[in-house]
Amino acid sequence: MQEQWALVDTWSAEHGQLAMWAGLAILLSLAWLANFIVKHILLRAVFRLLGLQKQQCEQRGLDFRFVNRLANVVPALVISTLISRVPQLPELLTTVTINVSNAFVVLTIAIAISNLLTLINTLYSRRPDANNKPIKGYIQLLKIVIYAVALILMIAALFDRSPLILLSGLGAMAAVLMLIFQDTLLSLVASVQISSNDVIRVGDWVEMPQLNADGDVIDIALHTVKIQNWDRTITTIPTRRFMTDPFKNWRGMQESGGRRIKRSLMLDQQSVSFLDTEQISRLSRFRLLQSYLAAKQREIDEWNQTLAEKGKEPVNTRRITNIGTFRAYVLNYLKHHASIHQNMTCMVRQLAPSADGLPLEIYCFTSTTAWLEYEGIQSDIFDHLLAILPEFGLRVYQHPSGMDVRALQSVLAQQH
């Protein structure tokens, strides 16, 4: 073998430039051959042994590009190992080629690891509980660390210096690096808190009015959280804002199985009155009021009997009111409604009167959390209540409109 190399050295010394170009051609051919063997023979054999095909992987959304990336290391190693064997090649060019090849190997390995982490995140996201504990932020952080280490090793390889020299210089730049990566560090801390405290998940309905965000969380990354609003726009919010700014997460409502209805009917206070015997008899036809009116009448009669002589004056007695009867009707109506969750709070109450009327608040929960169904149920309930309100002698209060003014003008014109 030594005799053969001696013959090669003698021939190269005699032919000079021709030997150098021939050596470079052989070296490039070997690098290409190594790349061909690894990618087209060895890798295909490995994929077949694992029972994987490229089309199947693409259909499943799996990216195995990191394998091809690693295959690129082989020709670079061939060049860096055999470049010194090329005759008549300048020493400076040999050193530069070796350093560039080593840097390329480091970069290729870093990219391959990054692709592998992407594949791991893809596989993890298919787990049923992936939305509860997303790892995308941690994957992105690992990629940043890997590329940072790769950058240091590449610079060390290009300048043929020890990486420890560069690392020792980074100590003096710590303050600068902290300033540069301030957002990344804050986002990392926020991501850890969000994950550990289960603050938000992919699929949660989140509302953050100060940032005009109201919709579903579609992505949680290291630096940002993406929210698809109900108007189909997408709002991108820095991750740390979910630890510093107030926001509303509707997940509790969705998991409870019921969504709250909290709306008031504004009643005209001048329409509130006592019910006479005829009105009580007419309202007794309502199935939902029969038991209420009977029990209420017995309670009032027993109370009034204790007044003796004073009970002869109607002003001293207790009587049934139209607003109280209507309140009892609404409560029974909700308790018999098929779309109202009967295991959650259900009540009808009066709020403090205002210049806009007497608020009669309906407070209950629907048996579904779906938005369209919820709105339909809520609208149906108030449609019915508004339509049946005149049966109780009550009126809805609203501010005078143009029609009211014109009607008043017509009445005044007729009087004159």
Protein backbone atom coordinates (compact mmCIF):
# COMPACT_ATOMS: atom_id res chain seq x y z
CA MET A 1 0.00 0.00 0.00
CA GLN A 2 2.85 2.36 0.86
CA GLU A 3 4.49 1.56 -2.49
CA GLN A 4 1.27 2.50 -4.30
CA TRP A 5 1.04 5.84 -2.48
CA ALA A 6 4.71 6.43 -3.30
CA LEU A 7 3.96 5.87 -6.99
CA VAL A 8 1.04 8.30 -6.77
CA ASP A 9 3.23 10.91 -5.12
CA THR A 10 5.91 10.47 -7.81
CA TRP A 11 3.34 10.79 -10.62
CA SER A 12 1.72 13.84 -9.04
CA ALA A 13 5.10 15.50 -8.59
CA GLU A 14 5.79 15.02 -12.28
CA HIS A 15 2.43 16.21 -13.58
CA GLY A 16 1.60 18.98 -11.04
CA GLN A 17 -1.71 20.72 -11.91
CA LEU A 18 -3.07 17.70 -13.77
CA ALA A 19 -2.65 15.56 -10.69
CA MET A 20 -4.40 18.15 -8.53
CA TRP A 21 -7.45 18.41 -10.81
CA ALA A 22 -7.57 14.64 -11.18
CA GLY A 23 -7.47 14.26 -7.38
CA LEU A 24 -10.27 16.80 -6.98
CA ALA A 25 -12.38 15.01 -9.58
CA ILE A 26 -11.85 11.69 -7.81
CA LEU A 27 -12.68 13.25 -4.44
CA LEU A 28 -15.92 14.81 -5.71
CA SER A 29 -16.85 11.53 -7.39
CA LEU A 30 -16.33 9.65 -4.13
CA ALA A 31 -18.43 12.20 -2.26
CA TRP A 32 -21.22 11.93 -4.84
CA LEU A 33 -21.03 8.12 -4.74
CA ALA A 34 -21.21 8.10 -0.95
CA ASN A 35 -24.23 10.41 -1.05
CA PHE A 36 -25.93 8.22 -3.67
CA ILE A 37 -25.30 4.99 -1.74
CA VAL A 38 -26.56 6.41 1.54
CA LYS A 39 -29.69 8.16 0.17
CA HIS A 40 -30.79 5.79 -2.56
CA ILE A 41 -29.75 2.42 -1.20
CA LEU A 42 -29.20 2.39 2.55
CA LEU A 43 -32.04 4.76 3.47
CA ARG A 44 -34.54 3.00 1.22
CA ALA A 45 -33.54 -0.30 2.74
CA VAL A 46 -34.04 1.10 6.25
CA PHE A 47 -37.47 2.51 5.37
CA ARG A 48 -38.53 -0.81 3.89
CA LEU A 49 -37.40 -2.67 7.00
CA LEU A 50 -39.49 -0.27 9.11
CA GLY A 51 -42.46 -0.70 6.76
CA LEU A 52 -42.56 3.00 5.86
CA GLN A 53 -43.14 4.51 2.45
CA LYS A 54 -42.76 8.12 1.43
CA GLN A 55 -46.33 8.47 0.17
CA GLN A 56 -47.76 6.94 3.34
CA CYS A 57 -45.69 9.27 5.48
CA GLU A 58 -46.87 12.29 3.50
CA GLN A 59 -50.50 11.17 3.78
CA ARG A 60 -50.09 10.85 7.54
CA GLY A 61 -48.45 14.26 7.73
CA LEU A 62 -45.14 12.79 8.95
CA ASP A 63 -41.92 14.52 7.93
CA PHE A 64 -38.80 12.35 7.88
CA ARG A 65 -36.57 14.95 6.25
CA PHE A 66 -34.14 14.70 9.16
CA VAL A 67 -33.00 11.33 7.77
CA ASN A 68 -32.07 12.89 4.44
CA ARG A 69 -30.36 15.72 6.30
CA LEU A 70 -28.21 13.27 8.20
CA ALA A 71 -27.34 11.52 4.94
CA ASN A 72 -25.71 14.77 3.76
CA VAL A 73 -23.14 14.39 6.53
CA VAL A 74 -21.51 11.44 4.75
CA PRO A 75 -20.17 13.28 1.64
CA ALA A 76 -18.98 16.15 3.86
CA LEU A 77 -17.03 13.68 6.00
CA VAL A 78 -15.57 12.10 2.87
CA ILE A 79 -14.36 15.50 1.64
CA SER A 80 -12.93 16.59 5.01
CA THR A 81 -11.14 13.24 5.43
CA LEU A 82 -9.67 12.83 1.94
CA ILE A 83 -9.03 16.46 0.94
CA SER A 84 -5.54 16.25 2.41
CA ARG A 85 -4.78 13.39 0.02
CA VAL A 86 -5.27 15.56 -3.06
CA PRO A 87 -1.78 16.19 -4.47
CA GLN A 88 -0.44 19.68 -5.12
CA LEU A 89 -3.40 21.31 -3.38
CA PRO A 90 -2.42 24.48 -1.49
CA GLU A 91 -2.34 24.02 2.26
CA LEU A 92 -4.53 27.06 2.83
CA LEU A 93 -7.23 25.69 0.53
CA THR A 94 -7.04 22.32 2.27
CA THR A 95 -7.47 23.92 5.69
CA VAL A 96 -10.39 26.09 4.53
CA THR A 97 -12.11 23.09 2.93
CA ILE A 98 -11.75 20.99 6.07
CA ASN A 99 -13.08 23.82 8.26
CA VAL A 100 -16.02 24.54 5.96
CA SER A 101 -16.83 20.80 5.76
CA ASN A 102 -16.80 20.51 9.55
CA ALA A 103 -19.03 23.58 9.86
CA PHE A 104 -21.39 22.09 7.27
CA VAL A 105 -21.56 18.85 9.26
CA VAL A 106 -22.49 20.80 12.41
CA LEU A 107 -25.16 22.81 10.55
CA THR A 108 -26.60 19.68 8.93
CA ILE A 109 -26.85 17.86 12.25
CA ALA A 110 -28.54 20.92 13.83
CA ILE A 111 -31.11 21.10 11.03
CA ALA A 112 -31.70 17.35 11.26
CA ILE A 113 -32.32 17.57 15.01
CA SER A 114 -34.68 20.50 14.40
CA ASN A 115 -36.66 18.43 11.87
CA LEU A 116 -36.74 15.53 14.31
CA LEU A 117 -38.18 17.80 17.02
CA THR A 118 -40.83 18.98 14.55
CA LEU A 119 -41.77 15.34 13.89
CA ILE A 120 -41.95 14.68 17.64
CA ASN A 121 -44.30 17.67 18.05
CA THR A 122 -46.46 16.39 15.16
CA LEU A 123 -46.76 12.94 16.71
CA TYR A 124 -47.45 14.41 20.16
CA SER A 125 -50.17 16.73 18.85
CA ARG A 126 -52.16 13.65 17.75
CA ARG A 127 -52.57 12.46 21.32
CA PRO A 128 -56.03 13.00 22.83
CA ASP A 129 -54.63 15.12 25.66
CA ALA A 130 -52.24 17.16 23.49
CA ASN A 131 -54.39 20.30 23.71
CA ASN A 132 -54.20 20.23 27.50
CA LYS A 133 -50.39 20.14 27.60
CA PRO A 134 -48.94 21.52 24.34
CA ILE A 135 -45.17 21.16 23.92
CA LYS A 136 -44.73 23.43 20.92
CA GLY A 137 -43.23 26.19 23.05
CA TYR A 138 -40.65 23.84 24.56
CA ILE A 139 -39.82 22.47 21.11
CA GLN A 140 -39.18 25.98 19.85
CA LEU A 141 -36.97 26.70 22.85
CA LEU A 142 -34.93 23.54 22.20
CA LYS A 143 -34.50 24.60 18.59
CA ILE A 144 -33.18 27.99 19.70
CA VAL A 145 -30.68 26.30 22.03
CA ILE A 146 -29.61 23.83 19.35
CA TYR A 147 -29.05 26.54 16.75
CA ALA A 148 -27.19 28.68 19.30
CA VAL A 149 -24.84 25.79 20.14
CA ALA A 150 -24.49 24.97 16.44
CA LEU A 151 -23.56 28.58 15.68
CA ILE A 152 -20.80 28.52 18.30
CA LEU A 153 -19.44 25.20 16.99
CA MET A 154 -19.58 26.42 13.38
CA ILE A 155 -17.66 29.58 14.20
CA ALA A 156 -15.11 27.50 16.12
CA ALA A 157 -14.79 25.11 13.17
CA LEU A 158 -14.40 27.87 10.60
CA PHE A 159 -11.67 29.64 12.57
CA ASP A 160 -10.14 26.36 13.81
CA ARG A 161 -10.40 27.42 17.44
CA SER A 162 -11.69 25.71 20.54
CA PRO A 163 -15.38 26.38 21.34
CA LEU A 164 -14.37 27.06 24.95
CA ILE A 165 -12.65 30.25 23.85
CA LEU A 166 -15.90 31.52 22.35
CA LEU A 167 -17.90 30.43 25.40
CA SER A 168 -15.56 32.30 27.73
CA GLY A 169 -16.18 35.44 25.68
CA LEU A 170 -19.93 34.98 25.97
CA GLY A 171 -19.74 35.55 29.72
CA ALA A 172 -18.96 39.20 29.13
CA MET A 173 -21.89 39.43 26.72
CA ALA A 174 -24.42 37.95 29.16
CA ALA A 175 -26.10 41.30 29.80
CA VAL A 176 -26.36 41.99 26.08
CA LEU A 177 -27.77 38.52 25.43
CA MET A 178 -30.30 38.98 28.23
CA LEU A 179 -31.46 42.19 26.55
CA ILE A 180 -31.59 40.58 23.11
CA PHE A 181 -33.49 37.50 24.30
CA GLN A 182 -35.68 39.33 26.80
CA ASP A 183 -38.90 38.49 24.98
CA THR A 184 -37.85 34.87 24.59
CA LEU A 185 -37.11 34.49 28.30
CA LEU A 186 -40.36 36.17 29.31
CA SER A 187 -42.27 33.99 26.85
CA LEU A 188 -40.55 30.88 28.19
CA VAL A 189 -41.58 31.69 31.77
CA ALA A 190 -45.12 32.45 30.59
CA SER A 191 -45.28 29.18 28.61
CA VAL A 192 -44.20 27.18 31.66
CA GLN A 193 -46.83 28.89 33.84
CA ILE A 194 -49.54 28.47 31.23
CA SER A 195 -48.76 24.77 30.87
CA SER A 196 -48.32 23.99 34.57
CA ASN A 197 -51.39 25.96 35.67
CA ASP A 198 -53.51 24.85 32.70
CA VAL A 199 -54.43 28.46 31.93
CA ILE A 200 -55.36 28.00 28.27
CA ARG A 201 -55.54 25.12 25.82
CA VAL A 202 -55.87 24.81 22.09
CA GLY A 203 -59.61 24.94 21.39
CA ASP A 204 -60.50 27.16 24.36
CA TRP A 205 -62.82 30.10 23.80
CA VAL A 206 -60.84 33.10 25.05
CA GLU A 207 -61.97 36.71 25.30
CA MET A 208 -59.46 39.57 25.71
CA PRO A 209 -61.31 42.83 24.91
CA GLN A 210 -58.28 45.12 25.34
CA LEU A 211 -56.62 43.36 22.37
CA ASN A 212 -59.84 42.87 20.35
CA ALA A 213 -59.55 39.09 20.71
CA ASP A 214 -62.68 36.96 21.06
CA GLY A 215 -62.60 33.44 19.67
CA ASP A 216 -60.94 30.03 19.78
CA VAL A 217 -57.27 29.39 20.55
CA ILE A 218 -55.80 27.66 17.48
CA ASP A 219 -52.10 27.65 18.33
CA ILE A 220 -49.89 28.05 21.42
CA ALA A 221 -46.24 28.71 20.59
CA LEU A 222 -43.26 29.96 22.56
CA HIS A 223 -43.66 33.63 21.66
CA THR A 224 -47.28 33.95 20.51
CA VAL A 225 -50.77 32.57 20.95
CA LYS A 226 -53.06 32.67 17.91
CA ILE A 227 -56.80 33.25 18.38
CA GLN A 228 -59.28 32.88 15.55
CA ASN A 229 -62.02 35.43 16.21
CA TRP A 230 -65.67 34.80 15.43
CA ASP A 231 -65.40 37.04 12.36
CA ARG A 232 -62.75 34.56 11.08
CA THR A 233 -59.89 37.02 11.60
CA ILE A 234 -56.82 35.87 13.52
CA THR A 235 -55.34 37.80 16.44
CA THR A 236 -51.75 37.06 17.47
CA ILE A 237 -51.03 37.80 21.13
CA PRO A 238 -47.64 37.58 22.90
CA THR A 239 -47.65 34.59 25.24
CA ARG A 240 -46.60 36.66 28.23
CA ARG A 241 -49.74 38.82 27.93
CA PHE A 242 -51.79 35.87 29.22
CA MET A 243 -49.90 36.14 32.52
CA THR A 244 -49.97 39.94 32.82
CA ASP A 245 -53.31 40.98 31.30
CA PRO A 246 -56.83 39.96 32.39
CA PHE A 247 -58.78 37.73 30.02
CA LYS A 248 -61.82 35.46 30.11
CA ASN A 249 -61.64 31.73 29.37
CA TRP A 250 -65.01 30.17 28.60
CA ARG A 251 -63.76 26.61 29.05
CA GLY A 252 -65.52 26.24 32.40
CA MET A 253 -68.84 27.07 30.78
CA GLN A 254 -68.22 24.59 27.96
CA GLU A 255 -67.23 21.81 30.35
CA SER A 256 -70.21 22.43 32.66
CA GLY A 257 -72.71 21.58 29.93
CA GLY A 258 -74.79 24.73 30.41
CA ARG A 259 -74.54 28.33 29.27
CA ARG A 260 -76.01 31.18 31.28
CA ILE A 261 -78.92 33.34 30.23
CA LYS A 262 -78.93 36.64 32.14
CA ARG A 263 -81.23 39.17 30.55
CA SER A 264 -83.91 41.51 31.83
CA LEU A 265 -87.34 42.58 30.69
CA MET A 266 -87.82 46.30 31.32
CA LEU A 267 -91.38 46.68 32.62
CA ASP A 268 -93.41 49.86 32.83
CA GLN A 269 -93.89 50.42 36.57
CA GLN A 270 -97.21 52.20 35.97
CA SER A 271 -98.66 48.92 34.68
CA VAL A 272 -98.07 47.14 38.03
CA SER A 273 -101.37 46.55 39.90
CA PHE A 274 -103.36 44.19 42.11
CA LEU A 275 -105.40 41.38 40.51
CA ASP A 276 -109.15 41.34 41.05
CA THR A 277 -111.28 38.20 41.22
CA GLU A 278 -112.06 38.19 37.53
CA GLN A 279 -108.42 38.51 36.57
CA ILE A 280 -107.41 35.75 38.98
CA SER A 281 -110.08 33.50 37.49
CA ARG A 282 -108.86 34.26 33.97
CA LEU A 283 -105.22 33.59 34.84
CA SER A 284 -106.18 30.32 36.55
CA ARG A 285 -106.65 28.89 33.06
CA PHE A 286 -102.84 28.88 32.72
CA ARG A 287 -101.58 25.40 33.53
CA LEU A 288 -98.34 26.82 34.95
CA LEU A 289 -100.23 29.11 37.35
CA GLN A 290 -102.94 26.87 38.75
CA SER A 291 -100.98 25.54 41.73
CA TYR A 292 -99.31 28.90 42.36
CA LEU A 293 -102.55 30.89 42.44
CA ALA A 294 -104.28 28.33 44.68
CA ALA A 295 -101.40 28.22 47.17
CA LYS A 296 -100.94 31.98 47.10
CA GLN A 297 -104.66 32.62 47.65
CA ARG A 298 -104.71 30.28 50.68
CA GLU A 299 -101.64 32.02 52.15
CA ILE A 300 -103.18 35.47 51.68
CA ASP A 301 -106.56 34.41 53.07
CA GLU A 302 -104.94 32.99 56.21
CA TRP A 303 -102.96 36.21 56.66
CA ASN A 304 -105.96 38.44 56.15
CA GLN A 305 -108.06 36.47 58.67
CA THR A 306 -105.60 37.39 61.39
CA LEU A 307 -106.36 41.09 60.81
CA ALA A 308 -109.92 40.75 62.16
CA GLU A 309 -111.76 44.07 61.85
CA LYS A 310 -108.83 45.80 60.14
CA GLY A 311 -108.98 43.21 57.39
CA LYS A 312 -112.25 44.65 56.14
CA GLU A 313 -110.39 47.53 54.57
CA PRO A 314 -108.70 46.43 51.31
CA VAL A 315 -105.81 48.79 51.96
CA ASN A 316 -104.81 46.72 55.00
CA THR A 317 -104.98 43.33 53.31
CA ARG A 318 -102.50 41.42 51.20
CA ARG A 319 -103.48 40.84 47.58
CA ILE A 320 -102.04 39.11 44.54
CA THR A 321 -100.19 41.37 42.12
CA ASN A 322 -99.89 40.98 38.39
CA ILE A 323 -96.09 41.32 38.46
CA GLY A 324 -95.74 38.67 41.18
CA THR A 325 -97.99 36.32 39.21
CA PHE A 326 -96.02 36.97 36.05
CA ARG A 327 -92.78 36.29 37.91
CA ALA A 328 -94.17 32.95 39.12
CA TYR A 329 -95.32 32.13 35.58
CA VAL A 330 -91.87 32.83 34.10
CA LEU A 331 -90.17 30.68 36.76
CA ASN A 332 -92.52 27.74 36.15
CA TYR A 333 -92.13 28.23 32.41
CA LEU A 334 -88.35 27.91 32.71
CA LYS A 335 -88.61 24.87 35.01
CA HIS A 336 -90.76 23.09 32.44
CA HIS A 337 -88.63 24.14 29.45
CA ALA A 338 -86.87 21.19 27.80
CA SER A 339 -83.82 23.25 26.83
CA ILE A 340 -83.14 24.70 30.29
CA HIS A 341 -80.63 22.92 32.53
CA GLN A 342 -82.64 22.00 35.63
CA ASN A 343 -79.62 21.13 37.79
CA MET A 344 -78.22 24.66 37.62
CA THR A 345 -79.41 27.94 39.13
CA CYS A 346 -82.76 29.07 37.79
CA MET A 347 -84.50 32.15 39.13
CA VAL A 348 -86.53 35.21 38.17
CA ARG A 349 -85.90 38.34 40.20
CA GLN A 350 -86.58 42.06 40.28
CA LEU A 351 -83.67 44.46 40.13
CA ALA A 352 -83.55 48.03 41.31
CA PRO A 353 -85.91 50.21 39.25
CA SER A 354 -84.41 52.93 37.11
CA ALA A 355 -85.48 55.60 34.66
CA ASP A 356 -85.68 52.86 32.03
CA GLY A 357 -88.30 50.86 33.94
CA LEU A 358 -88.43 47.95 36.38
CA PRO A 359 -85.95 45.20 35.36
CA LEU A 360 -87.30 41.67 35.68
CA GLU A 361 -84.20 39.51 35.27
CA ILE A 362 -84.26 35.95 33.95
CA TYR A 363 -81.28 33.99 35.29
CA CYS A 364 -80.90 30.39 34.13
CA PHE A 365 -78.71 28.04 32.10
CA THR A 366 -79.38 26.31 28.82
CA SER A 367 -78.75 22.57 28.47
CA THR A 368 -76.35 23.18 25.59
CA THR A 369 -73.25 25.33 25.14
CA ALA A 370 -73.40 25.50 21.34
CA TRP A 371 -73.56 29.14 20.34
CA LEU A 372 -76.26 28.92 17.65
CA GLU A 373 -78.51 26.68 19.74
CA TYR A 374 -78.01 28.90 22.80
CA GLU A 375 -79.03 32.04 20.94
CA GLY A 376 -82.06 30.27 19.50
CA ILE A 377 -83.23 29.08 22.92
CA GLN A 378 -82.73 32.52 24.48
CA SER A 379 -84.62 34.24 21.69
CA ASP A 380 -87.51 31.75 21.85
CA ILE A 381 -87.90 32.33 25.59
CA PHE A 382 -88.06 36.10 25.30
CA ASP A 383 -90.29 35.91 22.23
CA HIS A 384 -92.81 34.02 24.32
CA LEU A 385 -92.52 36.28 27.37
CA LEU A 386 -92.93 39.48 25.36
CA ALA A 387 -95.97 38.06 23.57
CA ILE A 388 -97.73 36.83 26.72
CA LEU A 389 -96.96 39.89 28.87
CA PRO A 390 -100.25 41.71 28.05
CA GLU A 391 -102.22 38.77 29.52
CA PHE A 392 -101.00 39.95 32.94
CA GLY A 393 -101.84 43.58 32.34
CA LEU A 394 -98.17 44.53 32.14
CA ARG A 395 -96.37 46.65 29.56
CA VAL A 396 -92.78 46.74 28.39
CA TYR A 397 -91.13 50.09 28.97
CA GLN A 398 -89.30 51.81 26.14
CA HIS A 399 -88.34 55.38 25.37
CA PRO A 400 -90.75 57.38 23.17
CA SER A 401 -90.16 56.92 19.48
CA GLY A 402 -91.07 58.94 16.42
CA MET A 403 -94.34 56.98 16.11
CA ASP A 404 -95.31 57.95 19.66
CA VAL A 405 -94.72 61.63 18.88
CA ARG A 406 -96.76 61.46 15.68
CA ALA A 407 -99.60 59.65 17.51
CA LEU A 408 -99.62 62.39 20.15
CA GLN A 409 -99.73 65.05 17.47
CA SER A 410 -102.70 63.31 15.83
CA VAL A 411 -104.59 63.19 19.14
CA LEU A 412 -103.91 66.85 19.82
CA ALA A 413 -104.99 67.78 16.27
CA GLN A 414 -108.28 65.90 16.69
CA GLN A 415 -108.99 67.62 20.01
CA HIS A 416 -108.59 71.04 18.42
